[in-house]
């Protein structure tokens, strides 16, 4: 069984990816950290953490959820959407899972419409993202985890 712990607030970019994954695999349980703060994650084989990126980090709510609820030694993966996607945007959540001696299965990042902070002044970045192709890419990424 797989669960994906997520935060997707401003434009729902991350949720678009996760809804497509859940449609492709109805066994996936999506957990919104704004609605649930504690959960026994020990029964899940794989645990995903997904978030929009805020100042090059995963949302604090996702990081805090992982610190409190993630058991030691689990298989984990990460999904992110960002106005300016970079490899370093995963560092904050990866540090939390490494402290818990988890095995990282993979990372997926997509562009996402971003009007957070100063980007609002210029009308935002990455309008129209995530695209259908990026959403399909997230599903393909997730399905690839099943082989691991």
N, C-alpha and C. Protein backbone atom coordinates (compact mmCIF):
# COMPACT_ATOMS: atom_id res chain seq x y z
N UNK A 1 0.83 -1.20 0.00
CA UNK A 1 0.00 0.00 0.00
C UNK A 1 0.87 1.25 0.00
N UNK A 2 0.37 2.27 -0.64
CA UNK A 2 1.10 3.53 -0.75
C UNK A 2 0.23 4.69 -0.26
N UNK A 3 0.86 5.60 0.45
CA UNK A 3 0.21 6.86 0.79
C UNK A 3 1.10 8.00 0.31
N UNK A 4 0.46 9.10 -0.04
CA UNK A 4 1.21 10.31 -0.40
C UNK A 4 0.72 11.44 0.50
N UNK A 5 1.64 11.95 1.28
CA UNK A 5 1.38 13.05 2.21
C UNK A 5 1.66 14.33 1.44
N UNK A 6 0.69 15.26 1.40
CA UNK A 6 0.90 16.42 0.54
C UNK A 6 0.36 17.72 1.12
N UNK A 7 0.89 18.80 0.52
CA UNK A 7 0.41 20.17 0.76
C UNK A 7 0.30 20.80 -0.61
N UNK A 8 -0.90 21.24 -0.97
CA UNK A 8 -1.13 21.86 -2.28
C UNK A 8 -2.16 22.96 -2.09
N UNK A 9 -1.69 24.18 -1.92
CA UNK A 9 -2.60 25.24 -1.51
C UNK A 9 -2.90 26.28 -2.58
N UNK A 10 -1.93 27.00 -3.04
CA UNK A 10 -2.16 28.22 -3.82
C UNK A 10 -2.90 28.02 -5.13
N UNK A 11 -2.41 27.14 -5.98
CA UNK A 11 -3.06 26.91 -7.28
C UNK A 11 -3.42 25.45 -7.50
N UNK A 12 -3.16 24.60 -6.52
CA UNK A 12 -3.50 23.18 -6.66
C UNK A 12 -2.62 22.43 -7.64
N UNK A 13 -1.43 22.96 -7.94
CA UNK A 13 -0.53 22.32 -8.90
C UNK A 13 -0.17 20.90 -8.48
N UNK A 14 0.27 20.74 -7.25
CA UNK A 14 0.69 19.44 -6.76
C UNK A 14 -0.48 18.47 -6.73
N UNK A 15 -1.64 18.94 -6.33
CA UNK A 15 -2.83 18.08 -6.26
C UNK A 15 -3.20 17.55 -7.64
N UNK A 16 -2.99 18.33 -8.69
CA UNK A 16 -3.27 17.86 -10.06
C UNK A 16 -2.45 16.62 -10.37
N UNK A 17 -1.19 16.63 -10.00
CA UNK A 17 -0.33 15.46 -10.22
C UNK A 17 -0.82 14.27 -9.41
N UNK A 18 -1.15 14.52 -8.15
CA UNK A 18 -1.56 13.44 -7.25
C UNK A 18 -2.91 12.85 -7.64
N UNK A 19 -3.84 13.68 -8.08
CA UNK A 19 -5.13 13.16 -8.53
C UNK A 19 -4.96 12.22 -9.71
N UNK A 20 -4.05 12.54 -10.61
CA UNK A 20 -3.78 11.66 -11.75
C UNK A 20 -3.16 10.34 -11.30
N UNK A 21 -2.26 10.40 -10.33
CA UNK A 21 -1.65 9.18 -9.79
C UNK A 21 -2.71 8.32 -9.12
N UNK A 22 -3.57 8.95 -8.31
CA UNK A 22 -4.63 8.20 -7.62
C UNK A 22 -5.63 7.60 -8.61
N UNK A 23 -5.87 8.28 -9.72
CA UNK A 23 -6.77 7.74 -10.74
C UNK A 23 -6.15 6.52 -11.41
N UNK A 24 -4.82 6.54 -11.57
CA UNK A 24 -4.12 5.42 -12.19
C UNK A 24 -3.96 4.24 -11.23
N UNK A 25 -3.94 4.52 -9.94
CA UNK A 25 -3.81 3.47 -8.92
C UNK A 25 -4.74 3.79 -7.76
N UNK A 26 -5.95 3.24 -7.79
CA UNK A 26 -6.95 3.55 -6.75
C UNK A 26 -6.54 3.12 -5.34
N UNK A 27 -5.48 2.34 -5.22
CA UNK A 27 -5.01 1.91 -3.90
C UNK A 27 -4.19 3.00 -3.19
N UNK A 28 -3.80 4.03 -3.92
CA UNK A 28 -3.03 5.12 -3.33
C UNK A 28 -3.95 5.96 -2.44
N UNK A 29 -3.48 6.21 -1.23
CA UNK A 29 -4.22 7.07 -0.30
C UNK A 29 -3.52 8.44 -0.25
N UNK A 30 -4.29 9.49 -0.52
CA UNK A 30 -3.76 10.85 -0.44
C UNK A 30 -4.13 11.45 0.91
N UNK A 31 -3.14 12.06 1.56
CA UNK A 31 -3.36 12.66 2.87
C UNK A 31 -2.94 14.13 2.82
N UNK A 32 -3.92 15.01 2.98
CA UNK A 32 -3.69 16.46 2.99
C UNK A 32 -3.27 16.87 4.40
N UNK A 33 -2.05 17.41 4.53
CA UNK A 33 -1.53 17.76 5.86
C UNK A 33 -2.28 18.93 6.50
N UNK A 34 -3.10 19.64 5.74
CA UNK A 34 -3.88 20.70 6.35
C UNK A 34 -5.12 20.13 7.05
N UNK A 35 -5.46 18.88 6.73
CA UNK A 35 -6.62 18.24 7.35
C UNK A 35 -6.25 17.18 8.37
N UNK A 36 -5.08 16.58 8.21
CA UNK A 36 -4.67 15.49 9.10
C UNK A 36 -3.24 15.76 9.57
N UNK A 37 -3.03 15.73 10.86
CA UNK A 37 -1.70 16.06 11.40
C UNK A 37 -0.97 14.84 11.95
N UNK A 38 -1.71 13.79 12.21
CA UNK A 38 -1.09 12.56 12.72
C UNK A 38 -1.68 11.37 12.00
N UNK A 39 -0.81 10.38 11.72
CA UNK A 39 -1.24 9.18 11.03
C UNK A 39 -0.22 8.08 11.27
N UNK A 40 -0.70 6.87 11.55
CA UNK A 40 0.19 5.72 11.70
C UNK A 40 0.62 5.29 10.30
N UNK A 41 1.86 5.57 9.93
CA UNK A 41 2.36 5.26 8.59
C UNK A 41 3.03 3.88 8.52
N UNK A 42 3.04 3.15 9.61
CA UNK A 42 3.76 1.87 9.63
C UNK A 42 3.17 0.83 8.69
N UNK A 43 1.89 0.93 8.36
CA UNK A 43 1.25 -0.09 7.51
C UNK A 43 1.49 0.12 6.02
N UNK A 44 2.13 1.21 5.63
CA UNK A 44 2.35 1.50 4.22
C UNK A 44 3.71 0.98 3.76
N UNK A 45 3.71 0.42 2.53
CA UNK A 45 4.97 -0.06 1.95
C UNK A 45 5.81 1.10 1.43
N UNK A 46 5.11 2.05 0.78
CA UNK A 46 5.78 3.23 0.23
C UNK A 46 5.06 4.48 0.72
N UNK A 47 5.87 5.50 1.03
CA UNK A 47 5.32 6.76 1.51
C UNK A 47 5.88 7.88 0.66
N UNK A 48 4.96 8.62 0.03
CA UNK A 48 5.38 9.76 -0.78
C UNK A 48 5.16 11.06 -0.03
N UNK A 49 5.98 12.02 -0.31
CA UNK A 49 5.81 13.36 0.22
C UNK A 49 5.77 14.31 -0.97
N UNK A 50 4.72 15.12 -1.04
CA UNK A 50 4.51 15.99 -2.19
C UNK A 50 4.17 17.40 -1.72
N UNK A 51 4.69 18.38 -2.47
CA UNK A 51 4.49 19.77 -2.05
C UNK A 51 4.83 20.72 -3.18
N UNK A 52 4.21 21.89 -3.13
CA UNK A 52 4.72 23.00 -3.89
C UNK A 52 6.01 23.44 -3.20
N UNK A 53 6.81 24.20 -3.89
CA UNK A 53 8.10 24.62 -3.33
C UNK A 53 8.02 26.10 -2.91
N UNK A 54 8.43 26.35 -1.68
CA UNK A 54 8.39 27.68 -1.09
C UNK A 54 9.81 28.08 -0.70
N UNK A 55 10.35 29.06 -1.40
CA UNK A 55 11.74 29.50 -1.15
C UNK A 55 12.69 28.30 -1.17
N UNK A 56 12.54 27.47 -2.21
CA UNK A 56 13.40 26.32 -2.49
C UNK A 56 13.28 25.19 -1.46
N UNK A 57 12.15 25.12 -0.74
CA UNK A 57 11.93 24.06 0.25
C UNK A 57 10.52 23.51 0.13
N UNK A 58 10.36 22.28 0.60
CA UNK A 58 9.02 21.71 0.75
C UNK A 58 8.27 22.51 1.81
N UNK A 59 6.95 22.52 1.73
CA UNK A 59 6.13 23.23 2.72
C UNK A 59 6.46 22.73 4.12
N UNK A 60 6.55 23.66 5.05
CA UNK A 60 6.84 23.32 6.46
C UNK A 60 5.87 22.26 6.98
N UNK A 61 4.61 22.33 6.57
CA UNK A 61 3.59 21.39 7.06
C UNK A 61 3.96 19.95 6.69
N UNK A 62 4.51 19.74 5.50
CA UNK A 62 4.91 18.40 5.06
C UNK A 62 6.15 17.95 5.84
N UNK A 63 7.10 18.84 5.98
CA UNK A 63 8.31 18.49 6.72
C UNK A 63 7.98 18.14 8.18
N UNK A 64 7.12 18.94 8.80
CA UNK A 64 6.74 18.66 10.19
C UNK A 64 5.98 17.34 10.31
N UNK A 65 5.09 17.06 9.37
CA UNK A 65 4.35 15.80 9.37
C UNK A 65 5.34 14.63 9.32
N UNK A 66 6.33 14.73 8.45
CA UNK A 66 7.33 13.67 8.32
C UNK A 66 8.13 13.50 9.61
N UNK A 67 8.52 14.61 10.22
CA UNK A 67 9.30 14.54 11.46
C UNK A 67 8.52 13.83 12.56
N UNK A 68 7.22 14.08 12.64
CA UNK A 68 6.39 13.54 13.70
C UNK A 68 5.93 12.11 13.42
N UNK A 69 5.56 11.80 12.17
CA UNK A 69 4.86 10.56 11.87
C UNK A 69 5.64 9.49 11.12
N UNK A 70 6.73 9.84 10.46
CA UNK A 70 7.44 8.88 9.62
C UNK A 70 8.21 7.87 10.46
N UNK A 71 7.90 6.57 10.29
CA UNK A 71 8.67 5.54 11.00
C UNK A 71 10.07 5.38 10.38
N UNK A 72 10.97 4.80 11.11
CA UNK A 72 12.32 4.56 10.64
C UNK A 72 12.32 3.48 9.57
N UNK A 73 13.19 3.66 8.57
CA UNK A 73 13.46 2.61 7.59
C UNK A 73 12.43 2.40 6.50
N UNK A 74 11.56 3.34 6.25
CA UNK A 74 10.53 3.19 5.21
C UNK A 74 11.07 3.54 3.82
N UNK A 75 10.39 3.03 2.77
CA UNK A 75 10.67 3.43 1.40
C UNK A 75 9.89 4.72 1.12
N UNK A 76 10.59 5.75 0.65
CA UNK A 76 9.96 7.05 0.44
C UNK A 76 10.26 7.58 -0.97
N UNK A 77 9.40 8.48 -1.43
CA UNK A 77 9.62 9.17 -2.69
C UNK A 77 9.06 10.57 -2.57
N UNK A 78 9.50 11.45 -3.50
CA UNK A 78 9.15 12.86 -3.42
C UNK A 78 8.59 13.37 -4.75
N UNK A 79 7.57 14.22 -4.65
CA UNK A 79 6.98 14.87 -5.81
C UNK A 79 6.84 16.36 -5.49
N UNK A 80 7.26 17.20 -6.44
CA UNK A 80 7.19 18.65 -6.19
C UNK A 80 6.75 19.39 -7.45
N UNK A 81 6.13 20.55 -7.23
CA UNK A 81 5.84 21.49 -8.30
C UNK A 81 6.46 22.82 -7.90
N UNK A 82 6.99 23.53 -8.89
CA UNK A 82 7.70 24.77 -8.55
C UNK A 82 7.71 25.73 -9.73
N UNK A 83 7.68 27.01 -9.41
CA UNK A 83 7.83 28.03 -10.43
C UNK A 83 9.22 28.00 -11.03
N UNK A 84 10.19 27.62 -10.22
CA UNK A 84 11.58 27.51 -10.67
C UNK A 84 12.13 26.17 -10.17
N UNK A 85 11.83 25.08 -10.87
CA UNK A 85 12.24 23.76 -10.38
C UNK A 85 13.76 23.59 -10.38
N UNK A 86 14.29 23.18 -9.24
CA UNK A 86 15.71 22.88 -9.11
C UNK A 86 15.87 21.57 -8.34
N UNK A 87 17.00 20.92 -8.52
CA UNK A 87 17.26 19.67 -7.80
C UNK A 87 17.32 19.91 -6.29
N UNK A 88 17.79 21.08 -5.89
CA UNK A 88 17.96 21.35 -4.47
C UNK A 88 16.63 21.55 -3.73
N UNK A 89 15.51 21.66 -4.47
CA UNK A 89 14.22 21.87 -3.79
C UNK A 89 13.83 20.66 -2.95
N UNK A 90 14.47 19.52 -3.16
CA UNK A 90 14.17 18.31 -2.39
C UNK A 90 15.01 18.20 -1.12
N UNK A 91 16.03 19.03 -0.97
CA UNK A 91 16.97 18.89 0.15
C UNK A 91 16.29 18.90 1.51
N UNK A 92 15.28 19.76 1.70
CA UNK A 92 14.66 19.90 3.02
C UNK A 92 13.94 18.61 3.43
N UNK A 93 13.15 18.02 2.52
CA UNK A 93 12.43 16.80 2.88
C UNK A 93 13.37 15.60 2.91
N UNK A 94 14.36 15.59 2.03
CA UNK A 94 15.33 14.48 2.02
C UNK A 94 16.10 14.43 3.34
N UNK A 95 16.42 15.58 3.90
CA UNK A 95 17.13 15.61 5.18
C UNK A 95 16.29 14.96 6.29
N UNK A 96 15.00 15.21 6.28
CA UNK A 96 14.11 14.62 7.29
C UNK A 96 14.07 13.10 7.14
N UNK A 97 13.92 12.62 5.90
CA UNK A 97 13.82 11.17 5.70
C UNK A 97 15.16 10.47 5.94
N UNK A 98 16.26 11.15 5.65
CA UNK A 98 17.57 10.56 5.92
C UNK A 98 17.79 10.37 7.41
N UNK A 99 17.33 11.33 8.21
CA UNK A 99 17.45 11.20 9.67
C UNK A 99 16.71 9.96 10.19
N UNK A 100 15.67 9.56 9.44
CA UNK A 100 14.87 8.40 9.82
C UNK A 100 15.34 7.13 9.11
N UNK A 101 16.51 7.21 8.45
CA UNK A 101 17.12 6.06 7.78
C UNK A 101 16.19 5.42 6.76
N UNK A 102 15.49 6.25 6.01
CA UNK A 102 14.57 5.76 4.98
C UNK A 102 15.32 5.56 3.67
N UNK A 103 14.77 4.67 2.84
CA UNK A 103 15.34 4.42 1.51
C UNK A 103 14.58 5.28 0.51
N UNK A 104 15.31 6.15 -0.18
CA UNK A 104 14.67 7.02 -1.17
C UNK A 104 14.54 6.27 -2.50
N UNK A 105 13.31 6.23 -3.03
CA UNK A 105 13.03 5.53 -4.27
C UNK A 105 13.11 6.43 -5.50
N UNK A 106 12.89 7.73 -5.33
CA UNK A 106 12.96 8.63 -6.48
C UNK A 106 12.37 10.00 -6.20
N UNK A 107 12.58 10.90 -7.19
CA UNK A 107 12.12 12.29 -7.08
C UNK A 107 11.52 12.70 -8.42
N UNK A 108 10.42 13.45 -8.35
CA UNK A 108 9.81 14.00 -9.57
C UNK A 108 9.47 15.45 -9.31
N UNK A 109 9.88 16.31 -10.24
CA UNK A 109 9.53 17.73 -10.12
C UNK A 109 8.95 18.21 -11.44
N UNK A 110 7.92 19.02 -11.32
CA UNK A 110 7.24 19.60 -12.47
C UNK A 110 7.18 21.11 -12.27
N UNK A 111 7.11 21.82 -13.39
CA UNK A 111 6.84 23.25 -13.29
C UNK A 111 5.41 23.41 -12.76
N UNK A 112 5.20 24.50 -12.03
CA UNK A 112 3.87 24.79 -11.51
C UNK A 112 3.64 26.30 -11.54
N UNK A 113 2.41 26.70 -11.81
CA UNK A 113 2.06 28.12 -11.81
C UNK A 113 2.36 28.68 -10.43
N UNK A 114 3.10 29.76 -10.39
CA UNK A 114 3.62 30.29 -9.13
C UNK A 114 3.36 31.79 -9.02
N UNK A 115 2.55 32.18 -8.05
CA UNK A 115 2.35 33.60 -7.76
C UNK A 115 2.72 33.89 -6.31
N UNK A 116 3.55 33.04 -5.72
CA UNK A 116 3.93 33.18 -4.33
C UNK A 116 4.92 34.33 -4.16
N UNK A 117 4.76 35.08 -3.10
CA UNK A 117 5.70 36.15 -2.76
C UNK A 117 5.84 37.17 -3.89
N UNK A 118 7.09 37.47 -4.28
CA UNK A 118 7.33 38.53 -5.27
C UNK A 118 6.83 38.20 -6.67
N UNK A 119 6.59 36.91 -6.98
CA UNK A 119 6.13 36.53 -8.32
C UNK A 119 4.74 37.07 -8.62
N UNK A 120 3.99 37.36 -7.55
CA UNK A 120 2.64 37.92 -7.72
C UNK A 120 2.71 39.28 -8.42
N UNK A 121 3.76 40.03 -8.14
CA UNK A 121 3.91 41.37 -8.71
C UNK A 121 4.06 41.36 -10.23
N UNK A 122 4.58 40.26 -10.78
CA UNK A 122 4.79 40.17 -12.22
C UNK A 122 3.77 39.24 -12.89
N UNK A 123 2.71 38.91 -12.17
CA UNK A 123 1.67 38.06 -12.75
C UNK A 123 1.95 36.58 -12.67
N UNK A 124 3.00 36.21 -11.97
CA UNK A 124 3.32 34.81 -11.76
C UNK A 124 4.28 34.23 -12.79
N UNK A 125 4.76 33.04 -12.46
CA UNK A 125 5.67 32.28 -13.32
C UNK A 125 4.96 31.00 -13.75
N UNK A 126 5.35 30.48 -14.88
CA UNK A 126 4.91 29.15 -15.36
C UNK A 126 3.40 29.02 -15.51
N UNK A 127 2.77 30.02 -16.08
CA UNK A 127 1.32 29.91 -16.35
C UNK A 127 1.06 28.69 -17.22
N UNK A 128 -0.03 27.98 -16.93
CA UNK A 128 -0.39 26.80 -17.71
C UNK A 128 0.30 25.52 -17.27
N UNK A 129 1.07 25.60 -16.20
CA UNK A 129 1.75 24.40 -15.68
C UNK A 129 1.11 23.99 -14.37
N UNK A 130 1.10 22.71 -14.06
CA UNK A 130 1.64 21.62 -14.85
C UNK A 130 0.79 21.32 -16.09
N UNK A 131 1.47 20.96 -17.17
CA UNK A 131 0.79 20.61 -18.42
C UNK A 131 0.33 19.15 -18.35
N UNK A 132 -0.48 18.75 -19.32
CA UNK A 132 -0.91 17.34 -19.38
C UNK A 132 0.30 16.42 -19.46
N UNK A 133 1.30 16.82 -20.22
CA UNK A 133 2.52 16.01 -20.36
C UNK A 133 3.24 15.87 -19.00
N UNK A 134 3.29 16.95 -18.23
CA UNK A 134 3.94 16.90 -16.92
C UNK A 134 3.13 16.04 -15.94
N UNK A 135 1.80 16.11 -16.06
CA UNK A 135 0.94 15.28 -15.22
C UNK A 135 1.13 13.81 -15.58
N UNK A 136 1.17 13.52 -16.87
CA UNK A 136 1.44 12.14 -17.32
C UNK A 136 2.81 11.68 -16.85
N UNK A 137 3.77 12.59 -16.84
CA UNK A 137 5.12 12.27 -16.36
C UNK A 137 5.11 11.86 -14.90
N UNK A 138 4.28 12.51 -14.10
CA UNK A 138 4.17 12.14 -12.68
C UNK A 138 3.60 10.74 -12.53
N UNK A 139 2.61 10.40 -13.34
CA UNK A 139 2.02 9.05 -13.29
C UNK A 139 3.06 8.02 -13.71
N UNK A 140 3.79 8.32 -14.77
CA UNK A 140 4.84 7.41 -15.25
C UNK A 140 5.92 7.22 -14.17
N UNK A 141 6.30 8.31 -13.54
CA UNK A 141 7.27 8.24 -12.44
C UNK A 141 6.75 7.32 -11.34
N UNK A 142 5.50 7.52 -10.93
CA UNK A 142 4.93 6.71 -9.85
C UNK A 142 4.88 5.23 -10.26
N UNK A 143 4.42 4.95 -11.48
CA UNK A 143 4.36 3.55 -11.93
C UNK A 143 5.74 2.92 -11.96
N UNK A 144 6.75 3.70 -12.26
CA UNK A 144 8.12 3.20 -12.25
C UNK A 144 8.60 2.80 -10.88
N UNK A 145 8.03 3.39 -9.85
CA UNK A 145 8.38 3.03 -8.47
C UNK A 145 7.94 1.62 -8.13
N UNK A 146 6.89 1.15 -8.79
CA UNK A 146 6.36 -0.19 -8.51
C UNK A 146 7.38 -1.27 -8.82
N UNK A 147 8.32 -0.98 -9.73
CA UNK A 147 9.35 -1.96 -10.08
C UNK A 147 10.48 -1.98 -9.05
N UNK A 148 10.51 -0.98 -8.18
CA UNK A 148 11.63 -0.90 -7.22
C UNK A 148 11.31 -1.68 -5.96
